[in-house]
């Protein structure tokens, strides 16, 4: 269930990807837009987008358990709907 009671959260205005690995100096943020893409390599920008990603990950739904039956969910929320659709298809 998306926590609407948490209020508005304007994390970003377009989609982004963070590319990183064993060498932090090569980390890059890719901002996607229908007309162009922008690559950010500045550590400050990378840190900001990493914080946004962490916040989004906190708000994300838990993974769906394919072994759980739809009846095992106590509440009527987004996760229960996804579970129901999985069994309906």
C-alpha atoms as a PDB file:
ATOM      1  CA  UNK A   1       0.000   0.000   0.000  1.00  0.00           C
ATOM      2  CA  UNK A   2       1.422   3.392  -0.950  1.00  0.00           C
ATOM      3  CA  UNK A   3       1.515   5.574   2.162  1.00  0.00           C
ATOM      4  CA  UNK A   4      -0.675   8.456   1.011  1.00  0.00           C
ATOM      5  CA  UNK A   5      -0.967   9.601   4.604  1.00  0.00           C
ATOM      6  CA  UNK A   6       2.744  10.497   4.482  1.00  0.00           C
ATOM      7  CA  UNK A   7       1.902  13.518   2.334  1.00  0.00           C
ATOM      8  CA  UNK A   8       3.262  14.652  -0.994  1.00  0.00           C
ATOM      9  CA  UNK A   9       6.744  13.605  -1.918  1.00  0.00           C
ATOM     10  CA  UNK A  10       8.233  15.288  -4.954  1.00  0.00           C
ATOM     11  CA  UNK A  11      11.394  13.249  -5.409  1.00  0.00           C
ATOM     12  CA  UNK A  12      12.071  14.045  -9.019  1.00  0.00           C
ATOM     13  CA  UNK A  13      10.465  15.267 -12.198  1.00  0.00           C
ATOM     14  CA  UNK A  14      11.825  12.593 -14.525  1.00  0.00           C
ATOM     15  CA  UNK A  15      13.091   9.052 -14.311  1.00  0.00           C
ATOM     16  CA  UNK A  16      16.676   8.389 -13.385  1.00  0.00           C
ATOM     17  CA  UNK A  17      19.180   5.580 -13.108  1.00  0.00           C
ATOM     18  CA  UNK A  18      22.218   5.355 -10.875  1.00  0.00           C
ATOM     19  CA  UNK A  19      25.175   3.480 -12.295  1.00  0.00           C
ATOM     20  CA  UNK A  20      27.874   2.622  -9.786  1.00  0.00           C
ATOM     21  CA  UNK A  21      30.326  -0.026  -8.868  1.00  0.00           C
ATOM     22  CA  UNK A  22      33.639  -0.660  -7.208  1.00  0.00           C
ATOM     23  CA  UNK A  23      35.086   2.684  -8.296  1.00  0.00           C
ATOM     24  CA  UNK A  24      32.979   5.562  -6.880  1.00  0.00           C
ATOM     25  CA  UNK A  25      34.750   8.117  -9.068  1.00  0.00           C
ATOM     26  CA  UNK A  26      33.051   6.469 -12.079  1.00  0.00           C
ATOM     27  CA  UNK A  27      29.515   6.577 -10.596  1.00  0.00           C
ATOM     28  CA  UNK A  28      27.003   8.288 -12.881  1.00  0.00           C
ATOM     29  CA  UNK A  29      23.353   9.365 -12.708  1.00  0.00           C
ATOM     30  CA  UNK A  30      21.378   9.189 -15.943  1.00  0.00           C
ATOM     31  CA  UNK A  31      18.334  11.491 -16.182  1.00  0.00           C
ATOM     32  CA  UNK A  32      15.915  10.353 -18.873  1.00  0.00           C
ATOM     33  CA  UNK A  33      13.592  12.687 -20.739  1.00  0.00           C
ATOM     34  CA  UNK A  34      11.591  12.149 -23.943  1.00  0.00           C
ATOM     35  CA  UNK A  35      13.797  14.619 -25.832  1.00  0.00           C
ATOM     36  CA  UNK A  36      17.230  13.899 -24.376  1.00  0.00           C
ATOM     37  CA  UNK A  37      19.255  12.265 -21.637  1.00  0.00           C
ATOM     38  CA  UNK A  38      21.612  13.932 -19.188  1.00  0.00           C
ATOM     39  CA  UNK A  39      24.504  12.266 -17.405  1.00  0.00           C
ATOM     40  CA  UNK A  40      25.618  13.640 -14.026  1.00  0.00           C
ATOM     41  CA  UNK A  41      28.978  12.645 -12.625  1.00  0.00           C
ATOM     42  CA  UNK A  42      29.262  15.156  -9.766  1.00  0.00           C
ATOM     43  CA  UNK A  43      29.401  13.503  -6.338  1.00  0.00           C
ATOM     44  CA  UNK A  44      26.868  15.957  -4.867  1.00  0.00           C
ATOM     45  CA  UNK A  45      24.296  15.095  -7.555  1.00  0.00           C
ATOM     46  CA  UNK A  46      24.959  11.375  -7.167  1.00  0.00           C
ATOM     47  CA  UNK A  47      24.427  11.643  -3.399  1.00  0.00           C
ATOM     48  CA  UNK A  48      21.119  13.498  -3.867  1.00  0.00           C
ATOM     49  CA  UNK A  49      19.768  10.919  -6.306  1.00  0.00           C
ATOM     50  CA  UNK A  50      20.986   8.089  -4.064  1.00  0.00           C
ATOM     51  CA  UNK A  51      18.939   9.624  -1.199  1.00  0.00           C
ATOM     52  CA  UNK A  52      15.886   9.848  -3.474  1.00  0.00           C
ATOM     53  CA  UNK A  53      16.316   6.206  -4.446  1.00  0.00           C
ATOM     54  CA  UNK A  54      16.564   5.162  -0.792  1.00  0.00           C
ATOM     55  CA  UNK A  55      13.357   7.081  -0.006  1.00  0.00           C
ATOM     56  CA  UNK A  56      11.536   5.456  -2.946  1.00  0.00           C
ATOM     57  CA  UNK A  57      12.775   2.030  -1.855  1.00  0.00           C
ATOM     58  CA  UNK A  58      11.333   2.664   1.635  1.00  0.00           C
ATOM     59  CA  UNK A  59       7.938   3.523   0.100  1.00  0.00           C
ATOM     60  CA  UNK A  60       7.861   0.606  -2.336  1.00  0.00           C
ATOM     61  CA  UNK A  61       5.572  -2.386  -1.902  1.00  0.00           C
ATOM     62  CA  UNK A  62       6.999  -5.539  -0.439  1.00  0.00           C
ATOM     63  CA  UNK A  63       7.794  -8.276  -2.966  1.00  0.00           C
ATOM     64  CA  UNK A  64       4.818 -10.470  -3.838  1.00  0.00           C
ATOM     65  CA  UNK A  65       5.100 -13.998  -2.472  1.00  0.00           C
ATOM     66  CA  UNK A  66       3.942 -16.331  -5.273  1.00  0.00           C
ATOM     67  CA  UNK A  67       3.332 -19.070  -2.701  1.00  0.00           C
ATOM     68  CA  UNK A  68       0.853 -17.010  -0.656  1.00  0.00           C
ATOM     69  CA  UNK A  69      -2.834 -17.402  -1.399  1.00  0.00           C
ATOM     70  CA  UNK A  70      -4.993 -14.302  -1.915  1.00  0.00           C
ATOM     71  CA  UNK A  71      -6.946 -15.173   1.213  1.00  0.00           C
ATOM     72  CA  UNK A  72      -3.807 -14.911   3.358  1.00  0.00           C
ATOM     73  CA  UNK A  73      -3.861 -11.106   3.150  1.00  0.00           C
ATOM     74  CA  UNK A  74      -5.805  -9.490   5.967  1.00  0.00           C
ATOM     75  CA  UNK A  75      -6.317  -6.068   4.409  1.00  0.00           C
ATOM     76  CA  UNK A  76      -7.591  -4.716   1.105  1.00  0.00           C
ATOM     77  CA  UNK A  77      -4.568  -2.814  -0.121  1.00  0.00           C
ATOM     78  CA  UNK A  78      -2.383  -2.561  -3.208  1.00  0.00           C
ATOM     79  CA  UNK A  79      -0.369  -5.648  -2.323  1.00  0.00           C
ATOM     80  CA  UNK A  80      -3.549  -7.697  -1.936  1.00  0.00           C
ATOM     81  CA  UNK A  81      -4.769  -6.444  -5.310  1.00  0.00           C
ATOM     82  CA  UNK A  82      -1.511  -7.495  -6.983  1.00  0.00           C
ATOM     83  CA  UNK A  83      -1.734 -10.889  -5.310  1.00  0.00           C
ATOM     84  CA  UNK A  84      -5.351 -11.256  -6.530  1.00  0.00           C
ATOM     85  CA  UNK A  85      -4.440 -10.321 -10.110  1.00  0.00           C
ATOM     86  CA  UNK A  86      -1.613 -12.865 -10.086  1.00  0.00           C
ATOM     87  CA  UNK A  87      -4.089 -15.647  -9.339  1.00  0.00           C
ATOM     88  CA  UNK A  88      -6.748 -14.328 -11.714  1.00  0.00           C
ATOM     89  CA  UNK A  89      -4.608 -14.494 -14.848  1.00  0.00           C
END
